[in-house]
Amino acid sequence: MGKSIPQYLGQLDIRKSVVSLATGAGAIYLLYKAIKAGIKCKPPLCTNSPICIARLAVERERHGRDSGELRRLLNSLECKQDEYAKSMILHSITRCVYLLEAEASACTTDDIVLLGYMLDDKDNSVKTQALNTLKAFSGIRKFRLKIQEHSIKVLELISTIWDTELHIAGLRLLNNLPLPDYVHPQLRRVMPALMEILQSDYILAQVQAVRLLSYLAQKNDLLYDILNCQVHSNFLNLFQPTQPGSLLYEVLVFAERLSEGRNAPHYRAVKWHYNEQSLHESLFGEESRLADRLLALVIHPEEDVQIQACKVIVSLQYPQDLRSRPSSCQPSRSYFKNTE
């Protein structure tokens, strides 16, 4: 009372400012205490988080004690689970195999058989996680032969299901295994599917597919099947400088393997016939523009790509058997005679 309205409002503004400052200072103080407490406090001895479980398991193994985590996960996989639970369990098993070397080595071939059953699950995510888990176990020598037994099934999945994650997981597994000769008939049947994956727009799947094809190109009984496989008319786009360097390098390795294979004496001793849309015609046919693509890659910014492009050029100009005898070497028909 007795105060004018301007005086009252001014006093009110001052009180608001004081309250605001006090509130801000209080908030800063509380934040400081929280940070200080966070720095000082120790994590709980055990939580249910995957990170904590993995940390404890690794710590126990480091001290020579079996955490039992991997065995518990494998046992739980034998119980009835829904698709999501199975997928998460398999993911955890994969992580444990990589982290817990001793526990993983103590597993048995029965565990590999159990994982193989997961490849028949109706859910693609379960199949994919099972493939990842088998890939993890394939790093342990004693399981490799048992895992090889699933090669035909893996090839079947890759060729019949169009799922990028499944393709990547399956191809990574196959690329980590020596494929036995009895798998070759199945490989011939899935060759078109592998070529389709190579020509897709998913870089990780493409890289894995071309790595497998490069490996298979060194098998004498599969070389013709690869070269005669039908490809898209724009196949040479895989050699464009704008492609990722990781893919370009692998595609160039593939081209070199094919070139060396077709120039080998035993292969040239047979008169082969190729389809017009075949990989052979796209790369090595009279109308092929591979030479232009390779010359552009010689100045690629990545050195690995440059070197590999030069290797392909050399393999195209000189058959493999003649390159080992330079004194009597006679160049075959050069793909670069007009571009020297």
Protein backbone atom coordinates (compact mmCIF):
# COMPACT_ATOMS: atom_id res chain seq x y z
CA MET A 1 0.00 0.00 0.00
CA GLY A 2 1.22 3.58 -0.54
CA LYS A 3 3.39 2.45 -3.53
CA SER A 4 2.78 3.61 -7.04
CA ILE A 5 2.13 1.00 -9.75
CA PRO A 6 5.55 1.57 -11.46
CA GLN A 7 7.33 1.16 -8.09
CA TYR A 8 5.43 -2.08 -7.40
CA LEU A 9 6.18 -3.52 -10.85
CA GLY A 10 9.85 -2.63 -10.52
CA GLN A 11 10.06 -4.43 -7.17
CA LEU A 12 8.31 -7.44 -8.71
CA ASP A 13 10.84 -7.57 -11.57
CA ILE A 14 13.71 -7.51 -9.05
CA ARG A 15 12.16 -10.41 -7.13
CA LYS A 16 11.74 -12.39 -10.34
CA SER A 17 15.38 -11.84 -11.23
CA VAL A 18 16.49 -12.98 -7.77
CA VAL A 19 14.34 -16.10 -8.00
CA SER A 20 15.65 -16.81 -11.50
CA LEU A 21 19.24 -16.47 -10.38
CA ALA A 22 18.63 -18.67 -7.39
CA THR A 23 16.95 -21.29 -9.51
CA GLY A 24 19.81 -21.23 -12.04
CA ALA A 25 22.42 -21.47 -9.31
CA GLY A 26 20.53 -24.34 -7.72
CA ALA A 27 20.33 -26.18 -11.01
CA ILE A 28 24.05 -25.71 -11.62
CA TYR A 29 24.82 -26.94 -8.11
CA LEU A 30 22.63 -30.02 -8.56
CA LEU A 31 24.27 -30.74 -11.91
CA TYR A 32 27.70 -30.40 -10.30
CA LYS A 33 26.74 -32.85 -7.54
CA ALA A 34 25.37 -35.33 -10.10
CA ILE A 35 28.56 -35.23 -12.18
CA LYS A 36 30.73 -35.53 -9.07
CA ALA A 37 28.70 -38.49 -7.86
CA GLY A 38 28.89 -40.10 -11.30
CA ILE A 39 32.66 -39.81 -11.34
CA LYS A 40 33.04 -41.25 -7.87
CA CYS A 41 30.49 -44.03 -8.04
CA LYS A 42 31.38 -47.53 -9.23
CA PRO A 43 29.15 -49.57 -11.56
CA PRO A 44 27.09 -52.27 -9.90
CA LEU A 45 28.70 -55.65 -9.62
CA CYS A 46 26.14 -57.18 -11.94
CA THR A 47 23.37 -55.97 -14.20
CA ASN A 48 21.35 -57.63 -16.87
CA SER A 49 22.75 -55.44 -19.66
CA PRO A 50 24.61 -57.31 -22.43
CA ILE A 51 27.63 -55.02 -22.01
CA CYS A 52 27.91 -55.82 -18.30
CA ILE A 53 27.44 -59.55 -18.91
CA ALA A 54 30.10 -59.54 -21.62
CA ARG A 55 32.49 -57.53 -19.43
CA LEU A 56 32.08 -59.93 -16.52
CA ALA A 57 32.46 -62.96 -18.76
CA VAL A 58 35.68 -61.63 -20.30
CA GLU A 59 37.02 -60.70 -16.86
CA ARG A 60 36.34 -64.21 -15.54
CA GLU A 61 38.00 -65.84 -18.54
CA ARG A 62 41.00 -63.58 -18.10
CA HIS A 63 41.40 -65.02 -14.62
CA GLY A 64 41.01 -68.56 -15.88
CA ARG A 65 37.41 -69.01 -14.76
CA ASP A 66 34.58 -70.20 -16.99
CA SER A 67 31.77 -67.64 -16.97
CA GLY A 68 29.31 -70.27 -18.19
CA GLU A 69 27.55 -67.58 -20.23
CA LEU A 70 28.08 -69.24 -23.61
CA ARG A 71 26.85 -72.60 -22.37
CA ARG A 72 23.75 -70.99 -20.82
CA LEU A 73 22.94 -69.28 -24.10
CA LEU A 74 23.34 -72.48 -26.12
CA ASN A 75 21.15 -74.37 -23.66
CA SER A 76 18.46 -71.70 -23.84
CA LEU A 77 18.46 -72.06 -27.63
CA GLU A 78 17.22 -75.64 -27.19
CA CYS A 79 14.12 -74.39 -25.35
CA LYS A 80 11.03 -73.21 -27.18
CA GLN A 81 11.54 -69.54 -28.05
CA ASP A 82 9.81 -67.04 -30.31
CA GLU A 83 11.63 -65.71 -33.37
CA TYR A 84 12.75 -62.48 -31.73
CA ALA A 85 14.16 -64.31 -28.69
CA LYS A 86 16.01 -66.83 -30.89
CA SER A 87 17.48 -64.02 -32.94
CA MET A 88 18.71 -62.18 -29.83
CA ILE A 89 20.14 -65.37 -28.29
CA LEU A 90 22.04 -66.16 -31.48
CA HIS A 91 23.37 -62.61 -31.59
CA SER A 92 24.61 -62.99 -28.00
CA ILE A 93 26.19 -66.37 -28.80
CA THR A 94 28.06 -64.80 -31.71
CA ARG A 95 29.44 -62.09 -29.45
CA CYS A 96 30.47 -64.63 -26.81
CA VAL A 97 32.30 -66.79 -29.39
CA TYR A 98 34.43 -63.80 -30.38
CA LEU A 99 34.99 -62.63 -26.79
CA LEU A 100 35.35 -65.91 -24.91
CA GLU A 101 37.89 -67.96 -26.84
CA ALA A 102 38.34 -70.70 -24.23
CA GLU A 103 34.62 -71.22 -23.72
CA ALA A 104 34.00 -71.25 -27.46
CA SER A 105 36.73 -73.85 -27.99
CA ALA A 106 35.16 -76.01 -25.28
CA CYS A 107 31.93 -76.29 -27.28
CA THR A 108 31.17 -79.48 -29.21
CA THR A 109 30.05 -80.44 -32.71
CA ASP A 110 26.59 -81.01 -31.23
CA ASP A 111 26.43 -77.26 -30.70
CA ILE A 112 27.24 -76.74 -34.38
CA VAL A 113 24.45 -79.16 -35.31
CA LEU A 114 22.04 -77.17 -33.14
CA LEU A 115 23.03 -73.96 -34.91
CA GLY A 116 22.57 -75.71 -38.25
CA TYR A 117 18.94 -76.44 -37.33
CA MET A 118 18.39 -72.69 -37.04
CA LEU A 119 19.04 -72.36 -40.79
CA ASP A 120 15.65 -74.04 -41.33
CA ASP A 121 13.78 -71.52 -39.22
CA LYS A 122 10.88 -69.77 -40.95
CA ASP A 123 12.16 -66.33 -39.93
CA ASN A 124 14.89 -64.77 -42.09
CA SER A 125 16.39 -62.83 -39.18
CA VAL A 126 16.94 -66.08 -37.28
CA LYS A 127 18.60 -67.62 -40.36
CA THR A 128 20.81 -64.54 -40.69
CA GLN A 129 21.89 -64.61 -37.05
CA ALA A 130 22.57 -68.35 -37.28
CA LEU A 131 24.83 -67.72 -40.28
CA ASN A 132 26.69 -65.04 -38.30
CA THR A 133 27.12 -67.46 -35.40
CA LEU A 134 28.46 -70.21 -37.66
CA LYS A 135 30.85 -67.68 -39.15
CA ALA A 136 32.14 -66.91 -35.64
CA PHE A 137 32.64 -70.62 -34.87
CA SER A 138 34.35 -71.17 -38.25
CA GLY A 139 37.36 -69.33 -36.85
CA ILE A 140 37.98 -72.33 -34.58
CA ARG A 141 39.77 -75.05 -36.54
CA LYS A 142 38.08 -78.08 -34.98
CA PHE A 143 34.62 -76.91 -36.12
CA ARG A 144 35.45 -76.07 -39.73
CA LEU A 145 34.72 -79.51 -41.21
CA LYS A 146 31.39 -79.72 -39.40
CA ILE A 147 30.41 -76.26 -40.56
CA GLN A 148 31.41 -77.18 -44.13
CA GLU A 149 28.59 -79.73 -44.08
CA HIS A 150 26.15 -76.81 -44.14
CA SER A 151 27.67 -75.26 -47.29
CA ILE A 152 24.99 -76.60 -49.63
CA LYS A 153 22.24 -75.32 -47.32
CA VAL A 154 23.88 -71.90 -47.17
CA LEU A 155 24.10 -71.75 -50.97
CA GLU A 156 20.44 -72.72 -51.18
CA LEU A 157 19.46 -69.88 -48.83
CA ILE A 158 21.51 -67.33 -50.76
CA SER A 159 20.00 -68.34 -54.09
CA THR A 160 16.35 -68.65 -53.03
CA ILE A 161 15.86 -65.76 -50.57
CA TRP A 162 16.38 -62.17 -51.70
CA ASP A 163 17.45 -60.62 -48.40
CA THR A 164 20.54 -58.43 -48.30
CA GLU A 165 21.48 -59.12 -44.68
CA LEU A 166 21.12 -62.85 -45.23
CA HIS A 167 23.24 -62.62 -48.39
CA ILE A 168 26.01 -60.80 -46.53
CA ALA A 169 25.99 -63.25 -43.62
CA GLY A 170 25.90 -66.34 -45.86
CA LEU A 171 28.62 -65.11 -48.20
CA ARG A 172 30.87 -64.07 -45.31
CA LEU A 173 30.56 -67.60 -43.94
CA LEU A 174 31.34 -69.22 -47.31
CA ASN A 175 34.31 -66.91 -47.83
CA ASN A 176 35.71 -68.08 -44.51
CA LEU A 177 35.57 -71.78 -45.46
CA PRO A 178 37.44 -73.94 -47.98
CA LEU A 179 34.61 -75.31 -50.12
CA PRO A 180 34.94 -79.05 -50.85
CA ASP A 181 34.60 -80.43 -54.38
CA TYR A 182 31.26 -82.08 -53.66
CA VAL A 183 29.76 -78.58 -53.39
CA HIS A 184 30.70 -77.68 -56.98
CA PRO A 185 27.47 -79.00 -58.60
CA GLN A 186 25.44 -76.78 -56.27
CA LEU A 187 27.76 -73.87 -57.02
CA ARG A 188 27.00 -74.24 -60.72
CA ARG A 189 23.29 -74.04 -59.98
CA VAL A 190 23.59 -70.89 -57.87
CA MET A 191 26.03 -69.08 -60.18
CA PRO A 192 23.26 -66.87 -61.68
CA ALA A 193 22.17 -65.84 -58.18
CA LEU A 194 25.76 -64.93 -57.23
CA MET A 195 26.06 -62.87 -60.39
CA GLU A 196 22.78 -61.08 -59.58
CA ILE A 197 24.03 -60.21 -56.09
CA LEU A 198 27.23 -58.86 -57.64
CA GLN A 199 25.15 -56.60 -59.89
CA SER A 200 22.87 -55.38 -57.09
CA ASP A 201 23.18 -51.98 -55.39
CA TYR A 202 24.28 -53.23 -51.97
CA ILE A 203 28.02 -52.70 -51.62
CA LEU A 204 28.68 -55.11 -48.73
CA ALA A 205 26.81 -57.93 -50.47
CA GLN A 206 28.54 -57.14 -53.79
CA VAL A 207 31.99 -57.26 -52.20
CA GLN A 208 31.29 -60.62 -50.56
CA ALA A 209 29.81 -62.06 -53.78
CA VAL A 210 32.75 -61.03 -55.96
CA ARG A 211 35.23 -62.42 -53.40
CA LEU A 212 33.52 -65.79 -53.61
CA LEU A 213 33.44 -65.64 -57.41
CA SER A 214 37.15 -64.77 -57.49
CA TYR A 215 37.88 -67.84 -55.38
CA LEU A 216 35.72 -70.04 -57.62
CA ALA A 217 37.35 -68.64 -60.78
CA GLN A 218 40.51 -70.48 -59.74
CA LYS A 219 38.70 -73.83 -59.93
CA ASN A 220 39.27 -75.34 -63.38
CA ASP A 221 35.92 -77.13 -63.46
CA LEU A 222 33.97 -73.95 -62.61
CA LEU A 223 35.72 -71.37 -64.80
CA TYR A 224 33.60 -71.94 -67.89
CA ASP A 225 30.37 -71.82 -65.84
CA ILE A 226 31.39 -68.42 -64.50
CA LEU A 227 32.47 -67.03 -67.87
CA ASN A 228 29.30 -68.24 -69.59
CA CYS A 229 27.01 -66.88 -66.88
CA GLN A 230 24.56 -64.29 -68.18
CA VAL A 231 25.05 -60.70 -67.00
CA HIS A 232 23.25 -57.40 -67.48
CA SER A 233 24.14 -55.20 -70.44
CA ASN A 234 25.59 -52.59 -68.05
CA PHE A 235 27.89 -55.03 -66.23
CA LEU A 236 30.94 -52.88 -66.96
CA ASN A 237 29.45 -50.15 -64.75
CA LEU A 238 31.08 -52.12 -61.93
CA PHE A 239 34.40 -50.78 -63.28
CA GLN A 240 33.33 -47.12 -63.16
CA PRO A 241 35.75 -44.90 -61.18
CA THR A 242 32.78 -43.64 -59.15
CA GLN A 243 32.31 -47.07 -57.53
CA PRO A 244 33.64 -47.46 -53.95
CA GLY A 245 37.31 -48.38 -53.91
CA SER A 246 36.68 -51.56 -51.91
CA LEU A 247 34.32 -52.87 -54.60
CA LEU A 248 36.51 -51.72 -57.49
CA TYR A 249 39.52 -53.53 -56.10
CA GLU A 250 37.64 -56.82 -55.67
CA VAL A 251 36.07 -56.59 -59.14
CA LEU A 252 39.51 -56.01 -60.66
CA VAL A 253 40.91 -59.05 -58.80
CA PHE A 254 38.00 -61.05 -60.23
CA ALA A 255 38.76 -59.81 -63.76
CA GLU A 256 42.44 -60.72 -63.38
CA ARG A 257 41.59 -64.24 -62.18
CA LEU A 258 39.22 -64.74 -65.12
CA SER A 259 41.76 -63.41 -67.60
CA GLU A 260 44.50 -65.66 -66.28
CA GLY A 261 42.17 -68.65 -66.22
CA ARG A 262 41.00 -68.26 -69.81
CA ASN A 263 44.61 -67.77 -70.97
CA ALA A 264 45.85 -70.92 -69.25
CA PRO A 265 47.06 -73.56 -71.76
CA HIS A 266 44.59 -76.25 -70.67
CA TYR A 267 41.67 -73.84 -71.06
CA ARG A 268 42.79 -72.54 -74.47
CA ALA A 269 43.14 -76.13 -75.65
CA VAL A 270 39.32 -76.34 -75.81
CA LYS A 271 37.10 -74.37 -78.17
CA TRP A 272 34.48 -72.85 -75.88
CA HIS A 273 31.21 -71.29 -76.96
CA TYR A 274 29.65 -68.44 -74.98
CA ASN A 275 26.23 -66.85 -74.86
CA GLU A 276 25.94 -63.37 -76.33
CA GLN A 277 25.03 -61.89 -72.93
CA SER A 278 27.69 -63.86 -71.08
CA LEU A 279 30.26 -62.48 -68.67
CA HIS A 280 32.96 -63.55 -71.15
CA GLU A 281 31.52 -61.40 -73.92
CA SER A 282 31.06 -58.44 -71.57
CA LEU A 283 34.69 -58.57 -70.43
CA PHE A 284 36.64 -60.14 -73.27
CA GLY A 285 34.37 -60.05 -76.34
CA GLU A 286 35.07 -58.10 -79.53
CA GLU A 287 32.64 -55.35 -78.52
CA SER A 288 33.80 -55.07 -74.91
CA ARG A 289 34.68 -51.62 -73.57
CA LEU A 290 36.70 -53.01 -70.68
CA ALA A 291 39.90 -51.39 -72.01
CA ASP A 292 38.42 -47.91 -71.61
CA ARG A 293 37.31 -48.68 -68.07
CA LEU A 294 40.75 -50.00 -67.11
CA LEU A 295 42.63 -47.03 -68.52
CA ALA A 296 40.43 -44.71 -66.46
CA LEU A 297 41.26 -46.70 -63.33
CA VAL A 298 45.02 -46.43 -63.84
CA ILE A 299 44.73 -42.86 -62.51
CA HIS A 300 42.30 -43.74 -59.72
CA PRO A 301 43.07 -41.92 -56.44
CA GLU A 302 43.42 -45.21 -54.53
CA GLU A 303 46.79 -46.89 -55.12
CA ASP A 304 45.46 -50.44 -54.65
CA VAL A 305 42.95 -49.86 -57.44
CA GLN A 306 45.64 -48.41 -59.73
CA ILE A 307 47.96 -51.38 -59.21
CA GLN A 308 45.20 -53.92 -59.70
CA ALA A 309 44.01 -52.22 -62.89
CA CYS A 310 47.55 -52.46 -64.27
CA LYS A 311 47.65 -56.16 -63.39
CA VAL A 312 44.46 -56.76 -65.37
CA ILE A 313 45.88 -54.87 -68.35
CA VAL A 314 49.02 -57.03 -68.30
CA SER A 315 46.98 -60.23 -68.03
CA LEU A 316 44.89 -59.18 -71.04
CA GLN A 317 47.90 -58.39 -73.21
CA TYR A 318 49.95 -61.48 -72.51
CA PRO A 319 48.83 -65.06 -71.79
CA GLN A 320 50.09 -66.40 -68.47
CA ASP A 321 52.42 -69.01 -69.97
CA LEU A 322 54.08 -66.45 -72.26
CA ARG A 323 54.66 -63.95 -69.45
CA SER A 324 57.03 -66.43 -67.80
CA ARG A 325 59.16 -66.58 -70.99
CA PRO A 326 59.91 -62.95 -71.96
CA SER A 327 62.60 -63.80 -74.48
CA SER A 328 60.19 -65.73 -76.72
CA CYS A 329 57.07 -63.76 -75.82
CA GLN A 330 54.74 -62.85 -78.64
CA PRO A 331 51.86 -60.58 -77.59
CA SER A 332 48.36 -61.89 -78.13
CA ARG A 333 45.84 -59.56 -79.72
CA SER A 334 46.19 -56.45 -77.60
CA TYR A 335 43.08 -54.77 -76.23
CA PHE A 336 45.06 -51.59 -75.95
CA LYS A 337 46.68 -51.30 -79.40
CA ASN A 338 44.68 -48.17 -80.18
CA THR A 339 45.28 -46.51 -76.83
CA GLU A 340 49.05 -46.64 -76.40
